């Protein structure tokens, strides 16, 4: 740990600049490079024919949105890359006058990690084998494990990055209200899109012929976000290497309503996710404010500590 003596107040001028050998700066570059690579890999899996052997959508825009950009995971991973970039090249801007942007981004990516491994994974097991196999498994590990863990480690060091001019203490309830805006907007989209009929023309064969009345409905996260009884549930058939769309039923009895009958548990997951998000946010604000107290002690002794 290095110690720098703070200049006299009369001669003190804030020069917010990077410490190139610091863990935060090094991790920011590593995260930025890995983040871009991961996003590129994710897009390749959806658009390169040799990698995506079982495409569902005929329309490029539909493939881009419904197979990639609509997912909270991809959106937050893109947010990570944007954060790394801005933090590296624009640390002096007002957006970094506090650690709000850092805490917001960290809370979102922790939510991705938790929901993916503790809520979505069991549902994917229930639905059957994923057709992408090893390639898709690699993507899952990258976007749901590697990038979240890397950013959390970066955030720990970034919170105590030596910037004597920033306001470090944050109010929990005020900032939580702002942090909730993005998840609430996203949940509104998830519910709304589940009740918007999609033309079967955007689906490739043999999938289009499986859709009733020429329309289908989209559930962003399959069973977890399926609130529409008419929404078709995709089940992977490993024997024929195709997706089969069952209207709320099960593969053994497609006409049944077995998966639609218990929608209460799906609605129950929503408050659980938001309560967890609030607790996650509370912990991050507490860690941030604790770092502020340490900085105040250093400031009283006219020293600034660089970790």
Protein backbone atom coordinates (compact mmCIF):
# COMPACT_ATOMS: atom_id res chain seq x y z
CA UNK A 1 0.00 0.00 0.00
CA UNK A 2 1.44 3.34 -1.08
CA UNK A 3 0.87 6.56 0.87
CA UNK A 4 0.79 10.01 -0.71
CA UNK A 5 0.93 13.20 1.36
CA UNK A 6 -1.89 15.54 0.54
CA UNK A 7 -0.75 19.04 -0.61
CA UNK A 8 -1.54 22.15 1.39
CA UNK A 9 -5.13 23.25 0.92
CA UNK A 10 -4.19 26.59 -0.62
CA UNK A 11 -2.19 24.89 -3.34
CA UNK A 12 -4.48 21.89 -3.71
CA UNK A 13 -6.01 21.39 -7.14
CA UNK A 14 -7.97 18.29 -8.07
CA UNK A 15 -6.45 16.41 -10.97
CA UNK A 16 -8.48 13.26 -11.45
CA UNK A 17 -6.26 10.87 -13.37
CA UNK A 18 -5.58 7.18 -13.55
CA UNK A 19 -2.97 5.23 -11.68
CA UNK A 20 -1.87 2.87 -14.40
CA UNK A 21 -0.46 0.19 -12.09
CA UNK A 22 -3.54 0.07 -9.87
CA UNK A 23 -5.68 -3.12 -9.81
CA UNK A 24 -8.79 -1.12 -10.81
CA UNK A 25 -7.17 0.29 -13.96
CA UNK A 26 -5.73 -3.07 -15.00
CA UNK A 27 -9.04 -4.86 -14.36
CA UNK A 28 -10.90 -2.19 -16.34
CA UNK A 29 -8.81 -2.92 -19.43
CA UNK A 30 -9.11 -6.68 -18.97
CA UNK A 31 -12.88 -6.38 -18.50
CA UNK A 32 -13.25 -4.11 -21.52
CA UNK A 33 -11.36 -6.47 -23.83
CA UNK A 34 -13.13 -9.57 -22.52
CA UNK A 35 -16.51 -7.80 -22.62
CA UNK A 36 -16.19 -6.87 -26.29
CA UNK A 37 -15.01 -10.39 -27.13
CA UNK A 38 -17.93 -11.98 -25.26
CA UNK A 39 -20.53 -9.77 -26.96
CA UNK A 40 -18.99 -10.49 -30.36
CA UNK A 41 -19.07 -14.21 -29.60
CA UNK A 42 -22.72 -13.99 -28.58
CA UNK A 43 -23.68 -12.27 -31.82
CA UNK A 44 -21.70 -14.77 -33.89
CA UNK A 45 -23.61 -17.64 -32.31
CA UNK A 46 -26.85 -16.10 -33.56
CA UNK A 47 -25.80 -14.95 -37.04
CA UNK A 48 -22.98 -17.18 -38.33
CA UNK A 49 -24.67 -20.13 -40.12
CA UNK A 50 -21.93 -22.60 -39.18
CA UNK A 51 -22.45 -21.78 -35.50
CA UNK A 52 -26.23 -21.31 -35.42
CA UNK A 53 -27.44 -24.51 -37.04
CA UNK A 54 -31.02 -24.15 -35.79
CA UNK A 55 -32.15 -20.54 -36.40
CA UNK A 56 -35.76 -19.74 -35.59
CA UNK A 57 -36.32 -16.34 -37.21
CA UNK A 58 -36.28 -15.41 -40.91
CA UNK A 59 -36.10 -11.67 -40.34
CA UNK A 60 -32.67 -10.23 -39.47
CA UNK A 61 -34.17 -7.63 -37.14
CA UNK A 62 -36.24 -10.30 -35.38
CA UNK A 63 -33.16 -12.50 -35.02
CA UNK A 64 -31.14 -9.56 -33.71
CA UNK A 65 -33.72 -8.53 -31.13
CA UNK A 66 -35.57 -11.68 -30.03
CA UNK A 67 -32.54 -13.97 -30.13
CA UNK A 68 -30.07 -11.53 -28.62
CA UNK A 69 -30.68 -7.90 -27.64
CA UNK A 70 -33.96 -8.38 -25.77
CA UNK A 71 -32.24 -10.35 -23.01
CA UNK A 72 -31.32 -8.54 -19.81
CA UNK A 73 -28.04 -10.45 -19.79
CA UNK A 74 -26.90 -9.09 -23.15
CA UNK A 75 -28.06 -5.57 -22.31
CA UNK A 76 -26.15 -5.53 -19.02
CA UNK A 77 -23.04 -7.03 -20.61
CA UNK A 78 -23.12 -4.22 -23.16
CA UNK A 79 -23.55 -1.81 -20.24
CA UNK A 80 -20.40 -3.25 -18.66
CA UNK A 81 -18.39 -2.55 -21.81
CA UNK A 82 -19.76 1.01 -21.95
CA UNK A 83 -18.87 1.53 -18.28
CA UNK A 84 -15.33 0.19 -18.68
CA UNK A 85 -14.78 2.42 -21.70
CA UNK A 86 -16.09 5.59 -20.05
CA UNK A 87 -14.24 4.88 -16.81
CA UNK A 88 -10.95 4.46 -18.71
CA UNK A 89 -11.21 7.46 -21.04
CA UNK A 90 -13.60 9.86 -19.28
CA UNK A 91 -12.95 9.60 -15.54
CA UNK A 92 -13.06 13.41 -15.22
CA UNK A 93 -16.65 13.71 -16.46
CA UNK A 94 -19.58 14.46 -14.14
CA UNK A 95 -20.96 10.94 -14.43
CA UNK A 96 -18.10 9.82 -12.18
CA UNK A 97 -18.50 12.59 -9.60
CA UNK A 98 -20.08 9.89 -7.43
CA UNK A 99 -20.07 6.08 -7.47
CA UNK A 100 -23.75 5.90 -8.49
CA UNK A 101 -23.06 4.68 -12.01
CA UNK A 102 -20.69 2.05 -10.63
CA UNK A 103 -23.14 0.78 -8.01
CA UNK A 104 -26.09 0.75 -10.43
CA UNK A 105 -24.11 -1.27 -12.98
CA UNK A 106 -22.77 -3.67 -10.36
CA UNK A 107 -26.23 -4.33 -8.94
CA UNK A 108 -27.60 -5.13 -12.41
CA UNK A 109 -24.87 -7.61 -13.27
CA UNK A 110 -25.14 -9.33 -9.86
CA UNK A 111 -28.86 -9.73 -10.58
CA UNK A 112 -27.99 -11.37 -13.91
CA UNK A 113 -25.65 -13.81 -12.18
CA UNK A 114 -28.19 -14.77 -9.51
CA UNK A 115 -31.26 -15.17 -11.72
CA UNK A 116 -29.33 -17.09 -14.38
CA UNK A 117 -27.85 -19.71 -12.08
CA UNK A 118 -30.55 -20.05 -9.43
CA UNK A 119 -33.79 -19.46 -11.36
CA UNK A 120 -33.28 -19.95 -15.10
CA UNK A 121 -31.01 -22.99 -15.08
CA UNK A 122 -33.65 -25.30 -13.54
CA UNK A 123 -36.16 -24.15 -16.17
CA UNK A 124 -33.77 -24.94 -19.01
CA UNK A 125 -33.27 -28.39 -17.54
CA UNK A 126 -37.05 -28.83 -17.45
CA UNK A 127 -37.36 -27.79 -21.10
CA UNK A 128 -34.72 -30.13 -22.42
CA UNK A 129 -31.30 -29.99 -24.02
CA UNK A 130 -30.16 -26.74 -25.61
CA UNK A 131 -29.48 -27.26 -29.34
CA UNK A 132 -26.31 -25.15 -29.40
CA UNK A 133 -24.58 -27.63 -27.10
CA UNK A 134 -21.04 -26.80 -26.08
CA UNK A 135 -20.94 -23.47 -27.90
CA UNK A 136 -24.01 -22.16 -26.11
CA UNK A 137 -22.69 -23.51 -22.82
CA UNK A 138 -19.50 -21.51 -23.33
CA UNK A 139 -21.56 -18.37 -24.00
CA UNK A 140 -23.61 -19.01 -20.85
CA UNK A 141 -20.49 -19.27 -18.71
CA UNK A 142 -18.99 -16.14 -20.27
CA UNK A 143 -22.00 -13.81 -19.93
CA UNK A 144 -23.46 -15.22 -16.71
CA UNK A 145 -20.31 -16.05 -14.76
CA UNK A 146 -17.05 -14.62 -16.10
CA UNK A 147 -18.13 -11.05 -16.88
CA UNK A 148 -20.25 -10.62 -13.69
CA UNK A 149 -17.52 -11.93 -11.36
CA UNK A 150 -14.85 -9.87 -13.12
CA UNK A 151 -16.90 -6.68 -12.85
CA UNK A 152 -17.69 -7.23 -9.16
CA UNK A 153 -13.97 -7.61 -8.43
CA UNK A 154 -13.28 -4.47 -10.48
CA UNK A 155 -16.05 -2.58 -8.60
CA UNK A 156 -14.49 -3.41 -5.22
CA UNK A 157 -11.23 -1.76 -6.27
CA UNK A 158 -12.98 1.07 -8.16
CA UNK A 159 -14.96 2.08 -5.07
CA UNK A 160 -11.75 2.95 -3.23
CA UNK A 161 -10.00 4.45 -6.24
CA UNK A 162 -8.21 7.67 -5.10
CA UNK A 163 -10.47 10.52 -6.22
CA UNK A 164 -10.52 13.11 -3.40
CA UNK A 165 -12.99 15.38 -5.20
CA UNK A 166 -15.91 12.96 -5.53
CA UNK A 167 -18.92 12.65 -3.25
CA UNK A 168 -18.58 9.13 -1.87
CA UNK A 169 -21.49 8.81 0.57
CA UNK A 170 -24.75 7.81 -1.11
CA UNK A 171 -28.33 7.81 0.19
CA UNK A 172 -29.90 4.38 -0.07
CA UNK A 173 -33.61 5.04 -0.73
CA UNK A 174 -33.15 7.88 -3.21
CA UNK A 175 -30.66 5.96 -5.31
CA UNK A 176 -32.60 2.71 -5.05
CA UNK A 177 -35.60 4.48 -6.60
CA UNK A 178 -33.47 5.52 -9.57
CA UNK A 179 -31.84 2.07 -9.79
CA UNK A 180 -35.29 0.45 -10.02
CA UNK A 181 -36.24 2.42 -13.15
CA UNK A 182 -34.38 0.19 -15.62
CA UNK A 183 -35.57 -3.16 -14.15
CA UNK A 184 -39.16 -1.88 -13.97
CA UNK A 185 -39.11 -0.73 -17.60
CA UNK A 186 -37.61 -4.06 -18.61
CA UNK A 187 -40.24 -6.05 -16.69
CA UNK A 188 -42.96 -3.98 -18.34
CA UNK A 189 -41.54 -4.96 -21.73
CA UNK A 190 -41.32 -8.64 -20.71
CA UNK A 191 -45.01 -8.70 -19.77
CA UNK A 192 -46.19 -6.61 -22.74
CA UNK A 193 -44.33 -8.61 -25.40
CA UNK A 194 -45.88 -11.80 -24.02
CA UNK A 195 -49.31 -10.57 -25.16
CA UNK A 196 -48.32 -9.12 -28.56
CA UNK A 197 -49.10 -11.46 -31.44
CA UNK A 198 -46.19 -12.11 -33.79
CA UNK A 199 -46.72 -13.00 -37.46
CA UNK A 200 -45.69 -16.56 -38.26
CA UNK A 201 -43.83 -15.22 -41.31
CA UNK A 202 -40.91 -14.18 -39.12
CA UNK A 203 -40.37 -17.81 -38.10
CA UNK A 204 -38.51 -20.33 -40.22
CA UNK A 205 -39.95 -23.68 -41.21
CA UNK A 206 -40.82 -26.08 -39.76
CA UNK A 207 -41.51 -23.73 -36.86
CA UNK A 208 -43.93 -21.46 -38.72
CA UNK A 209 -46.28 -24.34 -39.53
CA UNK A 210 -46.45 -25.27 -35.85
CA UNK A 211 -47.90 -21.92 -34.88
CA UNK A 212 -51.65 -21.70 -34.53
CA UNK A 213 -53.71 -19.21 -36.57
CA UNK A 214 -50.58 -17.74 -38.18
CA UNK A 215 -49.58 -15.95 -34.97
CA UNK A 216 -47.51 -16.70 -31.93
CA UNK A 217 -46.52 -14.96 -28.74
CA UNK A 218 -43.04 -14.49 -27.34
CA UNK A 219 -41.98 -15.27 -23.80
CA UNK A 220 -38.60 -13.70 -23.16
CA UNK A 221 -37.54 -16.20 -20.51
CA UNK A 222 -39.74 -19.14 -21.42
CA UNK A 223 -41.73 -20.51 -18.46
CA UNK A 224 -40.47 -17.88 -16.03
CA UNK A 225 -42.06 -14.99 -17.96
CA UNK A 226 -44.95 -16.75 -19.67
CA UNK A 227 -48.16 -15.11 -18.43
CA UNK A 228 -50.19 -15.65 -21.61
CA UNK A 229 -52.19 -18.92 -21.90
CA UNK A 230 -51.88 -18.73 -25.70
CA UNK A 231 -48.11 -18.38 -25.68
CA UNK A 232 -46.29 -21.31 -27.28
CA UNK A 233 -43.57 -22.92 -25.16
CA UNK A 234 -40.54 -24.07 -27.19
CA UNK A 235 -39.30 -27.56 -26.30
CA UNK A 236 -36.12 -28.91 -27.87
CA UNK A 237 -36.54 -32.33 -29.49
CA UNK A 238 -33.10 -33.92 -29.60
CA UNK A 239 -34.32 -36.83 -31.72
CA UNK A 240 -35.39 -34.59 -34.63
CA UNK A 241 -33.00 -31.70 -33.80
CA UNK A 242 -35.81 -29.14 -33.95
CA UNK A 243 -37.80 -26.92 -31.64
CA UNK A 244 -41.37 -28.01 -31.01
CA UNK A 245 -43.83 -25.33 -29.95
CA UNK A 246 -46.44 -26.49 -27.48
CA UNK A 247 -49.27 -24.12 -26.48
CA UNK A 248 -48.75 -24.23 -22.75
CA UNK A 249 -48.78 -28.01 -22.63
CA UNK A 250 -46.08 -30.58 -22.19
CA UNK A 251 -44.23 -32.63 -24.84
CA UNK A 252 -46.19 -35.77 -23.85
CA UNK A 253 -49.53 -33.94 -24.09
CA UNK A 254 -49.29 -30.72 -26.17
CA UNK A 255 -53.00 -30.01 -25.85
CA UNK A 256 -52.97 -29.97 -22.06
CA UNK A 257 -52.71 -26.84 -19.98
CA UNK A 258 -50.35 -28.34 -17.42
CA UNK A 259 -47.73 -25.58 -17.61
CA UNK A 260 -50.30 -22.80 -17.74
CA UNK A 261 -52.23 -23.96 -14.68
CA UNK A 262 -49.59 -22.87 -12.18
CA UNK A 263 -48.91 -19.28 -13.14
CA UNK A 264 -48.96 -18.17 -9.52
CA UNK A 265 -45.38 -19.31 -8.96
CA UNK A 266 -44.24 -17.21 -11.94
CA UNK A 267 -45.83 -14.10 -10.48
CA UNK A 268 -44.31 -14.97 -7.11
CA UNK A 269 -40.80 -14.82 -8.62
CA UNK A 270 -41.20 -11.12 -9.50
CA UNK A 271 -41.26 -9.72 -5.94
CA UNK A 272 -38.50 -12.17 -4.97
CA UNK A 273 -36.27 -10.78 -7.72
CA UNK A 274 -36.97 -7.17 -6.76
CA UNK A 275 -36.47 -7.80 -3.04
CA UNK A 276 -33.17 -9.49 -3.81
CA UNK A 277 -32.19 -6.57 -6.02
CA UNK A 278 -32.93 -4.11 -3.18
CA UNK A 279 -30.82 -6.15 -0.74
CA UNK A 280 -28.04 -6.42 -3.28
CA UNK A 281 -28.16 -2.64 -3.79
CA UNK A 282 -28.18 -2.03 -0.02
CA UNK A 283 -25.00 -4.06 0.44
CA UNK A 284 -23.23 -2.19 -2.36
CA UNK A 285 -24.21 1.20 -0.92
CA UNK A 286 -23.03 0.08 2.52
CA UNK A 287 -19.64 -1.01 1.13
CA UNK A 288 -19.33 2.26 -0.76
CA UNK A 289 -20.19 4.39 2.28
CA UNK A 290 -17.80 2.40 4.44
CA UNK A 291 -15.04 3.28 1.99
CA UNK A 292 -16.07 6.90 2.43
CA UNK A 293 -15.54 6.65 6.19
CA UNK A 294 -12.06 5.26 5.62
CA UNK A 295 -11.34 8.15 3.28
CA UNK A 296 -12.46 10.69 5.89
CA UNK A 297 -9.99 9.21 8.39
CA UNK A 298 -7.23 9.47 5.82
CA UNK A 299 -8.26 13.04 5.01
CA UNK A 300 -8.13 14.07 8.68
CA UNK A 301 -4.53 12.87 8.85
CA UNK A 302 -3.80 14.77 5.62
CA UNK A 303 -3.04 11.57 3.77
CA UNK A 304 -4.70 9.86 0.85
CA UNK A 305 -4.32 6.11 0.64
CA UNK A 306 -3.92 4.37 -2.69
CA UNK A 307 -4.55 0.66 -2.68
